[in-house]
Protein backbone atom coordinates (compact mmCIF):
# COMPACT_ATOMS: atom_id res chain seq x y z
CA UNK A 1 -17.37 -51.14 -137.60
CA UNK A 2 -17.56 -47.36 -137.55
CA UNK A 3 -19.25 -45.33 -140.25
CA UNK A 4 -15.85 -44.00 -141.37
CA UNK A 5 -14.50 -47.55 -141.65
CA UNK A 6 -17.54 -48.63 -143.65
CA UNK A 7 -17.12 -45.64 -145.98
CA UNK A 8 -13.51 -46.65 -146.61
CA UNK A 9 -14.82 -49.80 -148.31
CA UNK A 10 -16.89 -47.79 -150.83
CA UNK A 11 -14.92 -47.00 -154.00
CA UNK A 12 -14.09 -43.33 -154.71
CA UNK A 13 -14.71 -42.28 -158.31
CA UNK A 14 -13.38 -39.25 -160.20
CA UNK A 15 -15.99 -36.50 -160.49
CA UNK A 16 -15.79 -33.00 -161.91
CA UNK A 17 -16.87 -29.96 -159.97
CA UNK A 18 -19.99 -28.20 -161.24
CA UNK A 19 -19.07 -26.53 -164.53
CA UNK A 20 -21.20 -23.37 -164.53
CA UNK A 21 -21.28 -21.85 -168.01
CA UNK A 22 -23.08 -18.58 -168.82
CA UNK A 23 -25.91 -19.34 -171.23
CA UNK A 24 -29.38 -17.98 -171.96
CA UNK A 25 -32.27 -20.15 -170.82
CA UNK A 26 -33.40 -20.64 -174.43
CA UNK A 27 -29.96 -21.78 -175.56
CA UNK A 28 -29.70 -24.10 -172.55
CA UNK A 29 -33.11 -25.61 -173.40
CA UNK A 30 -31.94 -26.29 -176.97
CA UNK A 31 -28.79 -27.98 -175.63
CA UNK A 32 -30.80 -30.20 -173.27
CA UNK A 33 -33.17 -31.10 -176.10
CA UNK A 34 -30.22 -32.00 -178.33
CA UNK A 35 -28.69 -34.14 -175.56
CA UNK A 36 -31.99 -36.02 -175.14
CA UNK A 37 -32.08 -36.70 -178.88
CA UNK A 38 -28.45 -37.67 -179.50
CA UNK A 39 -28.24 -39.87 -176.39
CA UNK A 40 -31.61 -41.59 -176.81
CA UNK A 41 -29.64 -44.87 -177.10
CA UNK A 42 -28.55 -44.52 -173.44
CA UNK A 43 -30.66 -44.58 -170.27
CA UNK A 44 -31.69 -40.99 -169.51
CA UNK A 45 -33.10 -39.28 -166.44
CA UNK A 46 -34.82 -36.06 -167.48
CA UNK A 47 -36.38 -35.10 -164.16
CA UNK A 48 -34.01 -32.19 -163.45
CA UNK A 49 -32.13 -31.60 -166.71
CA UNK A 50 -30.59 -34.49 -168.63
CA UNK A 51 -28.57 -37.19 -166.88
CA UNK A 52 -26.99 -39.66 -169.29
CA UNK A 53 -26.13 -43.02 -167.72
CA UNK A 54 -23.09 -44.64 -169.31
CA UNK A 55 -21.99 -48.19 -168.44
CA UNK A 56 -19.21 -46.85 -166.17
CA UNK A 57 -20.25 -43.30 -165.36
CA UNK A 58 -22.67 -40.48 -166.06
CA UNK A 59 -23.00 -36.94 -167.40
CA UNK A 60 -25.48 -34.34 -166.14
CA UNK A 61 -26.59 -31.08 -167.77
CA UNK A 62 -29.16 -28.81 -166.18
CA UNK A 63 -30.42 -25.26 -166.38
CA UNK A 64 -29.93 -22.97 -163.41
CA UNK A 65 -33.20 -21.65 -162.00
CA UNK A 66 -31.50 -18.64 -160.40
CA UNK A 67 -28.91 -17.53 -162.97
CA UNK A 68 -28.55 -17.49 -166.78
CA UNK A 69 -26.29 -20.52 -167.06
CA UNK A 70 -26.10 -24.23 -167.70
CA UNK A 71 -24.40 -26.57 -165.23
CA UNK A 72 -22.48 -29.69 -166.27
CA UNK A 73 -21.08 -32.46 -164.10
CA UNK A 74 -19.39 -35.78 -164.92
CA UNK A 75 -18.48 -38.90 -162.94
CA UNK A 76 -16.91 -42.20 -163.97
CA UNK A 77 -15.21 -45.28 -162.56
CA UNK A 78 -11.77 -44.11 -163.76
CA UNK A 79 -10.05 -40.97 -164.98
CA UNK A 80 -9.76 -42.48 -168.46
CA UNK A 81 -13.48 -43.28 -168.56
CA UNK A 82 -14.32 -39.79 -167.29
CA UNK A 83 -12.35 -38.25 -170.14
CA UNK A 84 -13.97 -40.62 -172.66
CA UNK A 85 -17.47 -39.65 -171.47
CA UNK A 86 -16.63 -35.95 -171.63
CA UNK A 87 -15.33 -36.36 -175.17
CA UNK A 88 -18.35 -38.35 -176.29
CA UNK A 89 -20.79 -35.79 -174.88
CA UNK A 90 -18.95 -32.97 -176.59
CA UNK A 91 -18.66 -34.89 -179.89
CA UNK A 92 -22.34 -35.87 -180.03
CA UNK A 93 -23.69 -32.43 -179.06
CA UNK A 94 -22.59 -29.71 -181.49
CA UNK A 95 -24.61 -27.10 -179.59
CA UNK A 96 -22.84 -27.91 -176.31
CA UNK A 97 -19.47 -28.14 -178.05
CA UNK A 98 -20.00 -24.65 -179.51
CA UNK A 99 -20.95 -23.21 -176.10
CA UNK A 100 -17.90 -24.79 -174.45
CA UNK A 101 -15.63 -23.48 -177.23
CA UNK A 102 -17.05 -19.97 -176.85
CA UNK A 103 -16.42 -20.19 -173.09
CA UNK A 104 -12.83 -21.33 -173.71
CA UNK A 105 -13.40 -24.70 -172.03
CA UNK A 106 -11.40 -27.59 -173.43
CA UNK A 107 -11.89 -31.29 -172.72
CA UNK A 108 -10.99 -32.89 -170.50
CA UNK A 109 -12.86 -30.56 -168.23
CA UNK A 110 -11.47 -29.60 -164.81
CA UNK A 111 -9.05 -32.15 -163.50
CA UNK A 112 -10.95 -35.22 -162.32
CA UNK A 113 -8.91 -35.33 -159.12
CA UNK A 114 -10.63 -32.12 -158.05
CA UNK A 115 -13.32 -34.33 -156.60
CA UNK A 116 -14.06 -37.93 -155.72
CA UNK A 117 -17.47 -39.34 -155.08
CA UNK A 118 -18.17 -42.44 -153.07
CA UNK A 119 -19.87 -45.06 -155.28
């Protein structure tokens, strides 16, 4: 079995591209703090930002170390689940919702078919 053939057996999940949103470092820190608080009922990885682990996907928010912006990324097992996760993150985090509104970004975020990750 070739590597390519083996990879064909791994499911491909919808994933957004990096959503890079201009934001001051202080505002981004407040957003990450809010995400940690409002998603404390989910498993979190806070090593490099905040990664929220949902049963069938995840959301990641992190501060850029080179530019004044916050980066978001989402992945899920289906397009419907990806949209649900995006909506839940936006609904639970008023600070992030406000930033996205100011940037003119509506959910669902960029079309999930713009990327697929392998399991």
